[in-house]
Amino acid sequence: MRVYHREYTGRPLRVVWTLEELGQPYEFEVMTHEQGQSEEHLARHPLGRVPVLEDDDGFVFESAAICMHVADLYPEGAMMPPVGTHDRALAYQWAVFAPSEIEPPVVEAAIYNTSDPERAAKAKERFSLRVAAVEGALDGREYLVGDHLTVADVMVSTALNFTARAGFPELLPPALKEYVAGLQERPAFQRARERVSQLPAPAE
């Protein structure tokens, strides 16, 4: 398998982290912005984005889809619960919730923080509602689904960490800061972050 990454982007970390947790070999190709807009890469992703996973059958994009697909390829890693179970449905739920609900208001707040503080403030309020949903689901537990790490935690914790990358670490309540920090102490995450070396270290 090969993972395509582009400089200064964060989402490929999720895919690399999942592969590291599963202990599976992969190639990692970092492109420049120009290479990311080339015809070659547009054939992999029609919008020229990353991450993209290449395997023997072709290309897959969208980080949630890639992480769940890779977890299904290696079920012995137990990063996706068994098909047909309620826990499986919850893993789908949180894997989709991360990019569709958690990330957009953080990105919006970062874009408009200086030019339109009122809009940024409203985006932060929407983010806080989504954070409360995650905090309620955890309710003192270590993981979102079951009693061990799943793709749900990979997706949600990396989305929550966007607050640090955007310069808003104060938006996370203490319990969620502990949740994210605990997951980032995992050896597989450390290896993934080292591999995706363009990413800054998480905020203290």
N, C-alpha and C. Protein backbone atom coordinates (compact mmCIF):
# COMPACT_ATOMS: atom_id res chain seq x y z
N MET A 1 0.83 -1.19 0.00
CA MET A 1 0.00 0.00 0.00
C MET A 1 0.87 1.25 0.00
N ARG A 2 0.35 2.29 -0.62
CA ARG A 2 1.05 3.57 -0.65
C ARG A 2 0.08 4.66 -0.21
N VAL A 3 0.56 5.54 0.69
CA VAL A 3 -0.23 6.68 1.16
C VAL A 3 0.36 7.95 0.54
N TYR A 4 -0.49 8.73 -0.11
CA TYR A 4 -0.07 10.00 -0.70
C TYR A 4 -0.40 11.14 0.27
N HIS A 5 0.58 11.96 0.48
CA HIS A 5 0.50 13.06 1.44
C HIS A 5 0.98 14.32 0.74
N ARG A 6 0.56 15.48 1.21
CA ARG A 6 1.05 16.74 0.67
C ARG A 6 1.53 17.60 1.82
N GLU A 7 2.59 18.32 1.61
CA GLU A 7 3.17 19.15 2.67
C GLU A 7 2.14 20.09 3.26
N TYR A 8 2.24 20.28 4.57
CA TYR A 8 1.42 21.22 5.34
C TYR A 8 -0.04 20.81 5.47
N THR A 9 -0.34 19.55 5.31
CA THR A 9 -1.69 19.08 5.57
C THR A 9 -1.66 18.06 6.70
N GLY A 10 -2.78 17.92 7.44
CA GLY A 10 -2.77 17.09 8.63
C GLY A 10 -3.51 15.77 8.51
N ARG A 11 -4.49 15.67 7.62
CA ARG A 11 -5.35 14.50 7.63
C ARG A 11 -4.65 13.18 7.31
N PRO A 12 -3.59 13.17 6.50
CA PRO A 12 -2.92 11.87 6.26
C PRO A 12 -2.38 11.22 7.52
N LEU A 13 -2.16 11.99 8.59
CA LEU A 13 -1.69 11.41 9.85
C LEU A 13 -2.62 10.29 10.30
N ARG A 14 -3.93 10.46 10.09
CA ARG A 14 -4.90 9.46 10.53
C ARG A 14 -4.64 8.11 9.87
N VAL A 15 -4.37 8.15 8.58
CA VAL A 15 -4.15 6.92 7.83
C VAL A 15 -2.86 6.25 8.27
N VAL A 16 -1.81 7.05 8.40
CA VAL A 16 -0.52 6.51 8.82
C VAL A 16 -0.62 5.94 10.24
N TRP A 17 -1.31 6.64 11.11
CA TRP A 17 -1.50 6.15 12.48
C TRP A 17 -2.23 4.81 12.48
N THR A 18 -3.29 4.70 11.70
CA THR A 18 -4.03 3.45 11.63
C THR A 18 -3.14 2.31 11.14
N LEU A 19 -2.35 2.56 10.11
CA LEU A 19 -1.45 1.54 9.58
C LEU A 19 -0.39 1.16 10.61
N GLU A 20 0.10 2.14 11.35
CA GLU A 20 1.09 1.85 12.39
C GLU A 20 0.48 1.02 13.51
N GLU A 21 -0.75 1.34 13.90
CA GLU A 21 -1.43 0.54 14.93
C GLU A 21 -1.60 -0.90 14.47
N LEU A 22 -1.88 -1.07 13.20
CA LEU A 22 -2.11 -2.41 12.66
C LEU A 22 -0.81 -3.14 12.35
N GLY A 23 0.30 -2.42 12.37
CA GLY A 23 1.60 -3.04 12.10
C GLY A 23 1.77 -3.49 10.66
N GLN A 24 1.14 -2.75 9.74
CA GLN A 24 1.19 -3.14 8.34
C GLN A 24 2.20 -2.28 7.56
N PRO A 25 2.92 -2.90 6.61
CA PRO A 25 3.88 -2.13 5.81
C PRO A 25 3.17 -1.22 4.82
N TYR A 26 3.77 -0.09 4.54
CA TYR A 26 3.20 0.85 3.57
C TYR A 26 4.31 1.76 3.08
N GLU A 27 4.09 2.33 1.92
CA GLU A 27 4.96 3.36 1.39
C GLU A 27 4.30 4.72 1.63
N PHE A 28 5.12 5.74 1.78
CA PHE A 28 4.61 7.06 2.12
C PHE A 28 5.22 8.06 1.15
N GLU A 29 4.39 8.68 0.34
CA GLU A 29 4.88 9.61 -0.67
C GLU A 29 4.38 11.02 -0.37
N VAL A 30 5.31 11.93 -0.14
CA VAL A 30 4.99 13.32 0.14
C VAL A 30 5.15 14.13 -1.13
N MET A 31 4.09 14.84 -1.51
CA MET A 31 4.11 15.67 -2.71
C MET A 31 4.19 17.14 -2.34
N THR A 32 4.72 17.93 -3.26
CA THR A 32 4.63 19.38 -3.12
C THR A 32 3.21 19.81 -3.52
N HIS A 33 2.89 21.08 -3.28
CA HIS A 33 1.57 21.58 -3.69
C HIS A 33 1.39 21.44 -5.20
N GLU A 34 2.44 21.73 -5.94
CA GLU A 34 2.36 21.64 -7.40
C GLU A 34 2.12 20.20 -7.84
N GLN A 35 2.81 19.26 -7.24
CA GLN A 35 2.59 17.85 -7.57
C GLN A 35 1.19 17.41 -7.22
N GLY A 36 0.63 17.99 -6.15
CA GLY A 36 -0.73 17.65 -5.75
C GLY A 36 -1.78 18.12 -6.73
N GLN A 37 -1.42 19.08 -7.59
CA GLN A 37 -2.36 19.56 -8.60
C GLN A 37 -2.05 19.02 -10.00
N SER A 38 -1.12 18.09 -10.06
CA SER A 38 -0.73 17.54 -11.35
C SER A 38 -1.80 16.58 -11.89
N GLU A 39 -1.75 16.35 -13.19
CA GLU A 39 -2.69 15.40 -13.80
C GLU A 39 -2.55 14.02 -13.18
N GLU A 40 -1.34 13.67 -12.83
CA GLU A 40 -1.10 12.35 -12.22
C GLU A 40 -1.86 12.21 -10.91
N HIS A 41 -1.79 13.24 -10.06
CA HIS A 41 -2.50 13.14 -8.79
C HIS A 41 -4.00 13.35 -8.96
N LEU A 42 -4.41 14.18 -9.89
CA LEU A 42 -5.85 14.36 -10.13
C LEU A 42 -6.50 13.06 -10.59
N ALA A 43 -5.70 12.16 -11.14
CA ALA A 43 -6.23 10.84 -11.49
C ALA A 43 -6.46 10.00 -10.24
N ARG A 44 -5.75 10.34 -9.18
CA ARG A 44 -5.94 9.63 -7.90
C ARG A 44 -7.10 10.23 -7.12
N HIS A 45 -7.18 11.55 -7.13
CA HIS A 45 -8.23 12.29 -6.41
C HIS A 45 -8.70 13.42 -7.32
N PRO A 46 -9.96 13.45 -7.69
CA PRO A 46 -10.42 14.45 -8.67
C PRO A 46 -10.30 15.89 -8.21
N LEU A 47 -10.14 16.11 -6.89
CA LEU A 47 -9.97 17.47 -6.37
C LEU A 47 -8.52 17.76 -5.99
N GLY A 48 -7.65 16.80 -6.22
CA GLY A 48 -6.24 17.00 -5.92
C GLY A 48 -5.90 17.03 -4.45
N ARG A 49 -6.73 16.40 -3.63
CA ARG A 49 -6.52 16.45 -2.19
C ARG A 49 -5.80 15.20 -1.68
N VAL A 50 -5.49 15.22 -0.39
CA VAL A 50 -4.89 14.08 0.30
C VAL A 50 -5.63 13.89 1.62
N PRO A 51 -5.56 12.70 2.19
CA PRO A 51 -4.79 11.55 1.77
C PRO A 51 -5.47 10.75 0.66
N VAL A 52 -4.64 9.99 -0.03
CA VAL A 52 -5.12 8.98 -0.98
C VAL A 52 -4.37 7.71 -0.68
N LEU A 53 -5.09 6.60 -0.64
CA LEU A 53 -4.47 5.29 -0.46
C LEU A 53 -4.48 4.57 -1.80
N GLU A 54 -3.35 4.01 -2.16
CA GLU A 54 -3.25 3.17 -3.34
C GLU A 54 -2.96 1.74 -2.92
N ASP A 55 -3.77 0.80 -3.42
CA ASP A 55 -3.46 -0.61 -3.19
C ASP A 55 -3.56 -1.34 -4.54
N ASP A 56 -3.54 -2.64 -4.51
CA ASP A 56 -3.53 -3.40 -5.76
C ASP A 56 -4.79 -3.19 -6.59
N ASP A 57 -5.87 -2.76 -5.95
CA ASP A 57 -7.14 -2.61 -6.66
C ASP A 57 -7.41 -1.19 -7.13
N GLY A 58 -6.59 -0.21 -6.74
CA GLY A 58 -6.81 1.15 -7.18
C GLY A 58 -6.64 2.16 -6.06
N PHE A 59 -7.39 3.26 -6.15
CA PHE A 59 -7.24 4.38 -5.22
C PHE A 59 -8.49 4.55 -4.36
N VAL A 60 -8.27 5.02 -3.12
CA VAL A 60 -9.36 5.37 -2.22
C VAL A 60 -9.00 6.70 -1.58
N PHE A 61 -9.96 7.64 -1.54
CA PHE A 61 -9.71 8.89 -0.83
C PHE A 61 -10.77 9.11 0.23
N GLU A 62 -10.60 10.17 1.02
CA GLU A 62 -11.33 10.51 2.24
C GLU A 62 -10.75 9.71 3.42
N SER A 63 -10.22 10.44 4.39
CA SER A 63 -9.47 9.80 5.47
C SER A 63 -10.32 8.81 6.26
N ALA A 64 -11.58 9.13 6.52
CA ALA A 64 -12.43 8.19 7.27
C ALA A 64 -12.61 6.90 6.50
N ALA A 65 -12.88 7.02 5.20
CA ALA A 65 -13.08 5.83 4.38
C ALA A 65 -11.82 4.99 4.32
N ILE A 66 -10.67 5.65 4.20
CA ILE A 66 -9.40 4.91 4.12
C ILE A 66 -9.14 4.17 5.43
N CYS A 67 -9.29 4.87 6.55
CA CYS A 67 -9.01 4.24 7.84
C CYS A 67 -9.92 3.04 8.08
N MET A 68 -11.21 3.17 7.78
CA MET A 68 -12.13 2.05 7.99
C MET A 68 -11.82 0.90 7.03
N HIS A 69 -11.46 1.24 5.80
CA HIS A 69 -11.11 0.22 4.82
C HIS A 69 -9.88 -0.57 5.26
N VAL A 70 -8.84 0.16 5.69
CA VAL A 70 -7.62 -0.51 6.13
C VAL A 70 -7.89 -1.39 7.35
N ALA A 71 -8.70 -0.89 8.28
CA ALA A 71 -9.04 -1.68 9.46
C ALA A 71 -9.78 -2.96 9.07
N ASP A 72 -10.65 -2.87 8.06
CA ASP A 72 -11.37 -4.06 7.60
C ASP A 72 -10.45 -5.06 6.90
N LEU A 73 -9.40 -4.55 6.26
CA LEU A 73 -8.45 -5.46 5.60
C LEU A 73 -7.71 -6.32 6.61
N TYR A 74 -7.55 -5.79 7.83
CA TYR A 74 -6.78 -6.49 8.87
C TYR A 74 -7.63 -6.59 10.14
N PRO A 75 -8.68 -7.41 10.11
CA PRO A 75 -9.61 -7.48 11.25
C PRO A 75 -8.96 -7.96 12.54
N GLU A 76 -7.84 -8.64 12.42
CA GLU A 76 -7.15 -9.11 13.63
C GLU A 76 -6.68 -7.93 14.49
N GLY A 77 -6.57 -6.74 13.90
CA GLY A 77 -6.17 -5.57 14.65
C GLY A 77 -7.30 -4.97 15.48
N ALA A 78 -8.53 -5.40 15.23
CA ALA A 78 -9.72 -5.01 16.01
C ALA A 78 -9.91 -3.49 16.06
N MET A 79 -9.55 -2.80 14.99
CA MET A 79 -9.77 -1.35 14.98
C MET A 79 -11.14 -0.97 14.43
N MET A 80 -11.89 -1.96 13.94
CA MET A 80 -13.30 -1.80 13.63
C MET A 80 -14.03 -2.97 14.27
N PRO A 81 -15.11 -2.71 15.01
CA PRO A 81 -15.87 -3.80 15.63
C PRO A 81 -16.49 -4.71 14.57
N PRO A 82 -16.96 -5.88 14.96
CA PRO A 82 -17.53 -6.83 13.99
C PRO A 82 -18.73 -6.25 13.25
N VAL A 83 -18.85 -6.61 11.98
CA VAL A 83 -19.95 -6.15 11.14
C VAL A 83 -21.29 -6.56 11.75
N GLY A 84 -22.24 -5.64 11.73
CA GLY A 84 -23.58 -5.95 12.21
C GLY A 84 -23.81 -5.68 13.68
N THR A 85 -22.75 -5.31 14.41
CA THR A 85 -22.91 -5.02 15.85
C THR A 85 -23.22 -3.54 16.06
N HIS A 86 -23.76 -3.25 17.24
CA HIS A 86 -24.01 -1.85 17.58
C HIS A 86 -22.71 -1.06 17.68
N ASP A 87 -21.67 -1.70 18.21
CA ASP A 87 -20.38 -1.02 18.29
C ASP A 87 -19.87 -0.65 16.90
N ARG A 88 -20.15 -1.51 15.92
CA ARG A 88 -19.75 -1.19 14.55
C ARG A 88 -20.46 0.09 14.08
N ALA A 89 -21.74 0.18 14.36
CA ALA A 89 -22.51 1.36 13.99
C ALA A 89 -21.95 2.60 14.67
N LEU A 90 -21.54 2.47 15.94
CA LEU A 90 -20.97 3.61 16.65
C LEU A 90 -19.62 4.02 16.05
N ALA A 91 -18.84 3.05 15.60
CA ALA A 91 -17.57 3.39 14.96
C ALA A 91 -17.82 4.17 13.67
N TYR A 92 -18.80 3.73 12.88
CA TYR A 92 -19.18 4.50 11.69
C TYR A 92 -19.59 5.92 12.09
N GLN A 93 -20.43 5.99 13.10
CA GLN A 93 -20.98 7.28 13.55
C GLN A 93 -19.88 8.28 13.87
N TRP A 94 -18.94 7.88 14.72
CA TRP A 94 -17.91 8.82 15.15
C TRP A 94 -16.88 9.08 14.07
N ALA A 95 -16.60 8.09 13.23
CA ALA A 95 -15.66 8.29 12.12
C ALA A 95 -16.18 9.33 11.14
N VAL A 96 -17.50 9.36 10.94
CA VAL A 96 -18.12 10.34 10.06
C VAL A 96 -18.31 11.67 10.76
N PHE A 97 -18.62 11.63 12.05
CA PHE A 97 -18.86 12.84 12.84
C PHE A 97 -17.63 13.74 12.86
N ALA A 98 -16.45 13.14 12.92
CA ALA A 98 -15.22 13.92 13.05
C ALA A 98 -15.03 14.91 11.90
N PRO A 99 -15.02 14.44 10.63
CA PRO A 99 -14.81 15.41 9.55
C PRO A 99 -16.04 16.23 9.19
N SER A 100 -17.23 15.72 9.48
CA SER A 100 -18.43 16.44 9.06
C SER A 100 -18.92 17.45 10.09
N GLU A 101 -18.65 17.21 11.37
CA GLU A 101 -19.17 18.08 12.42
C GLU A 101 -18.09 18.79 13.24
N ILE A 102 -17.01 18.09 13.55
CA ILE A 102 -15.99 18.68 14.42
C ILE A 102 -15.09 19.65 13.65
N GLU A 103 -14.61 19.22 12.51
CA GLU A 103 -13.61 20.01 11.79
C GLU A 103 -14.13 21.32 11.19
N PRO A 104 -15.29 21.34 10.52
CA PRO A 104 -15.70 22.57 9.82
C PRO A 104 -15.75 23.83 10.69
N PRO A 105 -16.31 23.80 11.90
CA PRO A 105 -16.33 25.05 12.67
C PRO A 105 -14.94 25.50 13.11
N VAL A 106 -14.02 24.55 13.34
CA VAL A 106 -12.66 24.94 13.71
C VAL A 106 -11.98 25.63 12.53
N VAL A 107 -12.14 25.05 11.35
CA VAL A 107 -11.54 25.65 10.15
C VAL A 107 -12.14 27.05 9.92
N GLU A 108 -13.46 27.16 10.05
CA GLU A 108 -14.11 28.45 9.85
C GLU A 108 -13.61 29.48 10.86
N ALA A 109 -13.48 29.09 12.10
CA ALA A 109 -12.98 30.01 13.13
C ALA A 109 -11.57 30.48 12.82
N ALA A 110 -10.73 29.56 12.34
CA ALA A 110 -9.35 29.92 12.02
C ALA A 110 -9.30 30.90 10.85
N ILE A 111 -10.14 30.68 9.84
CA ILE A 111 -10.14 31.52 8.65
C ILE A 111 -10.59 32.94 8.98
N TYR A 112 -11.62 33.06 9.84
CA TYR A 112 -12.24 34.36 10.07
C TYR A 112 -11.88 34.98 11.42
N ASN A 113 -10.93 34.40 12.13
CA ASN A 113 -10.63 34.88 13.47
C ASN A 113 -10.22 36.35 13.50
N THR A 114 -9.50 36.79 12.48
CA THR A 114 -9.04 38.18 12.41
C THR A 114 -9.98 39.05 11.58
N SER A 115 -10.39 38.55 10.43
CA SER A 115 -11.18 39.37 9.51
C SER A 115 -12.64 39.53 9.92
N ASP A 116 -13.18 38.53 10.62
CA ASP A 116 -14.59 38.58 11.01
C ASP A 116 -14.74 37.89 12.37
N PRO A 117 -14.33 38.57 13.45
CA PRO A 117 -14.36 37.96 14.78
C PRO A 117 -15.73 37.45 15.20
N GLU A 118 -16.80 38.13 14.78
CA GLU A 118 -18.14 37.69 15.15
C GLU A 118 -18.46 36.34 14.53
N ARG A 119 -18.13 36.19 13.27
CA ARG A 119 -18.35 34.90 12.60
C ARG A 119 -17.51 33.81 13.25
N ALA A 120 -16.25 34.15 13.56
CA ALA A 120 -15.37 33.18 14.20
C ALA A 120 -15.92 32.75 15.56
N ALA A 121 -16.48 33.71 16.30
CA ALA A 121 -17.03 33.39 17.62
C ALA A 121 -18.22 32.44 17.50
N LYS A 122 -19.05 32.65 16.51
CA LYS A 122 -20.19 31.76 16.30
C LYS A 122 -19.72 30.35 15.91
N ALA A 123 -18.68 30.29 15.11
CA ALA A 123 -18.12 28.99 14.73
C ALA A 123 -17.58 28.26 15.96
N LYS A 124 -16.93 29.00 16.85
CA LYS A 124 -16.41 28.40 18.08
C LYS A 124 -17.55 27.88 18.96
N GLU A 125 -18.67 28.60 18.97
CA GLU A 125 -19.83 28.14 19.74
C GLU A 125 -20.36 26.83 19.17
N ARG A 126 -20.42 26.72 17.85
CA ARG A 126 -20.88 25.46 17.23
C ARG A 126 -19.91 24.33 17.55
N PHE A 127 -18.63 24.66 17.54
CA PHE A 127 -17.64 23.64 17.88
C PHE A 127 -17.84 23.15 19.31
N SER A 128 -18.13 24.05 20.22
CA SER A 128 -18.32 23.68 21.63
C SER A 128 -19.47 22.70 21.80
N LEU A 129 -20.52 22.85 21.01
CA LEU A 129 -21.64 21.90 21.07
C LEU A 129 -21.19 20.51 20.63
N ARG A 130 -20.37 20.46 19.62
CA ARG A 130 -19.89 19.17 19.12
C ARG A 130 -18.93 18.53 20.12
N VAL A 131 -18.11 19.36 20.74
CA VAL A 131 -17.19 18.88 21.77
C VAL A 131 -17.96 18.29 22.94
N ALA A 132 -19.06 18.93 23.30
CA ALA A 132 -19.87 18.43 24.40
C ALA A 132 -20.44 17.05 24.09
N ALA A 133 -20.77 16.81 22.81
CA ALA A 133 -21.28 15.50 22.41
C ALA A 133 -20.22 14.42 22.59
N VAL A 134 -18.98 14.74 22.23
CA VAL A 134 -17.89 13.78 22.39
C VAL A 134 -17.62 13.54 23.88
N GLU A 135 -17.59 14.61 24.64
CA GLU A 135 -17.31 14.47 26.08
C GLU A 135 -18.39 13.63 26.75
N GLY A 136 -19.64 13.83 26.34
CA GLY A 136 -20.72 13.03 26.91
C GLY A 136 -20.61 11.57 26.54
N ALA A 137 -20.16 11.29 25.33
CA ALA A 137 -20.01 9.90 24.89
C ALA A 137 -18.88 9.20 25.65
N LEU A 138 -17.82 9.93 25.93
CA LEU A 138 -16.71 9.34 26.67
C LEU A 138 -17.08 9.15 28.14
N ASP A 139 -17.59 10.21 28.77
CA ASP A 139 -18.06 10.15 30.17
C ASP A 139 -17.09 9.39 31.06
N GLY A 140 -15.82 9.78 30.99
CA GLY A 140 -14.81 9.16 31.84
C GLY A 140 -14.18 7.91 31.27
N ARG A 141 -14.66 7.45 30.12
CA ARG A 141 -14.08 6.24 29.51
C ARG A 141 -12.83 6.60 28.73
N GLU A 142 -12.01 5.60 28.47
CA GLU A 142 -10.75 5.85 27.76
C GLU A 142 -10.95 5.90 26.26
N TYR A 143 -11.95 5.14 25.76
CA TYR A 143 -12.18 5.06 24.31
C TYR A 143 -13.64 5.30 23.99
N LEU A 144 -13.90 5.72 22.76
CA LEU A 144 -15.27 6.03 22.36
C LEU A 144 -16.13 4.79 22.17
N VAL A 145 -15.54 3.73 21.65
CA VAL A 145 -16.29 2.52 21.33
C VAL A 145 -15.60 1.32 21.96
N GLY A 146 -16.30 0.60 22.82
CA GLY A 146 -15.71 -0.58 23.43
C GLY A 146 -14.62 -0.24 24.42
N ASP A 147 -13.71 -1.20 24.61
CA ASP A 147 -12.68 -1.04 25.63
C ASP A 147 -11.27 -0.94 25.06
N HIS A 148 -11.18 -0.62 23.77
CA HIS A 148 -9.86 -0.46 23.16
C HIS A 148 -9.94 0.54 22.00
N LEU A 149 -8.79 0.95 21.50
CA LEU A 149 -8.72 1.91 20.42
C LEU A 149 -9.40 1.39 19.16
N THR A 150 -10.19 2.25 18.53
CA THR A 150 -10.76 1.95 17.22
C THR A 150 -10.55 3.15 16.31
N VAL A 151 -10.96 2.97 15.06
CA VAL A 151 -10.88 4.07 14.09
C VAL A 151 -11.66 5.28 14.59
N ALA A 152 -12.69 5.06 15.39
CA ALA A 152 -13.46 6.18 15.94
C ALA A 152 -12.55 7.12 16.74
N ASP A 153 -11.67 6.56 17.55
CA ASP A 153 -10.75 7.39 18.35
C ASP A 153 -9.71 8.07 17.47
N VAL A 154 -9.23 7.36 16.46
CA VAL A 154 -8.26 7.97 15.54
C VAL A 154 -8.87 9.20 14.89
N MET A 155 -10.07 9.05 14.35
CA MET A 155 -10.71 10.15 13.63
C MET A 155 -11.07 11.31 14.57
N VAL A 156 -11.70 11.00 15.69
CA VAL A 156 -12.18 12.06 16.58
C VAL A 156 -11.01 12.78 17.26
N SER A 157 -10.03 12.06 17.75
CA SER A 157 -8.94 12.73 18.47
C SER A 157 -8.13 13.63 17.54
N THR A 158 -7.91 13.20 16.31
CA THR A 158 -7.17 14.05 15.38
C THR A 158 -7.99 15.28 14.99
N ALA A 159 -9.31 15.12 14.91
CA ALA A 159 -10.16 16.28 14.63
C ALA A 159 -10.13 17.26 15.79
N LEU A 160 -10.19 16.74 17.02
CA LEU A 160 -10.12 17.61 18.19
C LEU A 160 -8.79 18.35 18.26
N ASN A 161 -7.74 17.70 17.82
CA ASN A 161 -6.41 18.32 17.87
C ASN A 161 -6.26 19.44 16.85
N PHE A 162 -7.21 19.56 15.92
CA PHE A 162 -7.19 20.70 15.01
C PHE A 162 -7.22 22.01 15.79
N THR A 163 -7.78 21.99 17.00
CA THR A 163 -7.83 23.21 17.80
C THR A 163 -6.42 23.71 18.10
N ALA A 164 -5.50 22.79 18.37
CA ALA A 164 -4.12 23.18 18.63
C ALA A 164 -3.46 23.72 17.37
N ARG A 165 -3.69 23.05 16.25
CA ARG A 165 -3.11 23.49 14.98
C ARG A 165 -3.66 24.85 14.57
N ALA A 166 -4.93 25.12 14.92
CA ALA A 166 -5.57 26.38 14.55
C ALA A 166 -5.27 27.50 15.54
N GLY A 167 -4.64 27.15 16.66
CA GLY A 167 -4.32 28.16 17.67
C GLY A 167 -5.40 28.39 18.69
N PHE A 168 -6.32 27.41 18.84
CA PHE A 168 -7.41 27.54 19.80
C PHE A 168 -7.43 26.38 20.80
N PRO A 169 -6.33 26.05 21.45
CA PRO A 169 -6.33 24.91 22.37
C PRO A 169 -7.29 25.08 23.53
N GLU A 170 -7.62 26.34 23.86
CA GLU A 170 -8.52 26.59 24.98
C GLU A 170 -9.94 26.12 24.72
N LEU A 171 -10.27 25.78 23.48
CA LEU A 171 -11.63 25.33 23.16
C LEU A 171 -11.91 23.91 23.66
N LEU A 172 -10.86 23.17 23.99
CA LEU A 172 -11.06 21.81 24.49
C LEU A 172 -11.14 21.81 26.01
N PRO A 173 -12.16 21.19 26.57
CA PRO A 173 -12.23 21.05 28.03
C PRO A 173 -11.15 20.11 28.53
N PRO A 174 -10.78 20.18 29.81
CA PRO A 174 -9.69 19.36 30.34
C PRO A 174 -9.83 17.87 30.06
N ALA A 175 -11.04 17.33 30.17
CA ALA A 175 -11.22 15.89 29.95
C ALA A 175 -10.85 15.49 28.53
N LEU A 176 -11.17 16.33 27.58
CA LEU A 176 -10.84 15.99 26.19
C LEU A 176 -9.37 16.25 25.87
N LYS A 177 -8.77 17.21 26.55
CA LYS A 177 -7.32 17.38 26.40
C LYS A 177 -6.60 16.13 26.90
N GLU A 178 -7.08 15.56 28.00
CA GLU A 178 -6.49 14.34 28.54
C GLU A 178 -6.71 13.17 27.58
N TYR A 179 -7.91 13.10 27.01
CA TYR A 179 -8.23 12.04 26.04
C TYR A 179 -7.27 12.09 24.85
N VAL A 180 -7.11 13.27 24.27
CA VAL A 180 -6.23 13.43 23.11
C VAL A 180 -4.79 13.15 23.50
N ALA A 181 -4.34 13.70 24.62
CA ALA A 181 -2.95 13.51 25.05
C ALA A 181 -2.64 12.05 25.31
N GLY A 182 -3.60 11.33 25.92
CA GLY A 182 -3.39 9.92 26.19
C GLY A 182 -3.21 9.10 24.93
N LEU A 183 -4.01 9.39 23.92
CA LEU A 183 -3.90 8.67 22.65
C LEU A 183 -2.60 9.01 21.94
N GLN A 184 -2.16 10.25 22.09
CA GLN A 184 -0.92 10.65 21.42
C GLN A 184 0.32 10.08 22.09
N GLU A 185 0.17 9.49 23.25
CA GLU A 185 1.30 8.82 23.90
C GLU A 185 1.52 7.41 23.35
N ARG A 186 0.57 6.91 22.59
CA ARG A 186 0.70 5.56 22.05
C ARG A 186 1.90 5.49 21.10
N PRO A 187 2.70 4.42 21.17
CA PRO A 187 3.87 4.30 20.29
C PRO A 187 3.53 4.41 18.80
N ALA A 188 2.38 3.86 18.40
CA ALA A 188 2.00 3.93 16.99
C ALA A 188 1.75 5.36 16.56
N PHE A 189 1.14 6.16 17.44
CA PHE A 189 0.92 7.57 17.10
C PHE A 189 2.26 8.29 16.99
N GLN A 190 3.17 8.01 17.92
CA GLN A 190 4.47 8.67 17.88
C GLN A 190 5.20 8.34 16.58
N ARG A 191 5.13 7.08 16.16
CA ARG A 191 5.78 6.70 14.90
C ARG A 191 5.11 7.42 13.72
N ALA A 192 3.80 7.50 13.76
CA ALA A 192 3.07 8.15 12.67
C ALA A 192 3.42 9.64 12.61
N ARG A 193 3.45 10.30 13.75
CA ARG A 193 3.77 11.73 13.75
C ARG A 193 5.18 11.98 13.26
N GLU A 194 6.09 11.08 13.61
CA GLU A 194 7.46 11.22 13.12
C GLU A 194 7.51 11.05 11.61
N ARG A 195 6.72 10.11 11.10
CA ARG A 195 6.69 9.88 9.65
C ARG A 195 6.09 11.07 8.92
N VAL A 196 5.03 11.61 9.48
CA VAL A 196 4.39 12.78 8.87
C VAL A 196 5.05 14.01 9.48
N SER A 197 6.29 14.21 9.14
CA SER A 197 7.14 15.15 9.86
C SER A 197 6.78 16.60 9.65
N GLN A 198 5.91 16.91 8.69
CA GLN A 198 5.53 18.28 8.47
C GLN A 198 4.59 18.80 9.56
N LEU A 199 4.01 17.89 10.34
CA LEU A 199 3.05 18.32 11.36
C LEU A 199 3.77 18.89 12.57
N PRO A 200 3.27 19.99 13.14
CA PRO A 200 3.88 20.52 14.36
C PRO A 200 3.54 19.64 15.55
N ALA A 201 4.33 19.74 16.58
CA ALA A 201 4.04 19.02 17.80
C ALA A 201 2.75 19.56 18.41
N PRO A 202 1.98 18.73 19.11
CA PRO A 202 0.74 19.21 19.72
C PRO A 202 1.01 20.25 20.79
N ALA A 203 0.07 21.16 20.97
CA ALA A 203 0.22 22.21 21.98
C ALA A 203 0.17 21.61 23.36
N GLU A 204 0.88 22.21 24.28
CA GLU A 204 0.86 21.74 25.67
C GLU A 204 -0.47 22.08 26.32
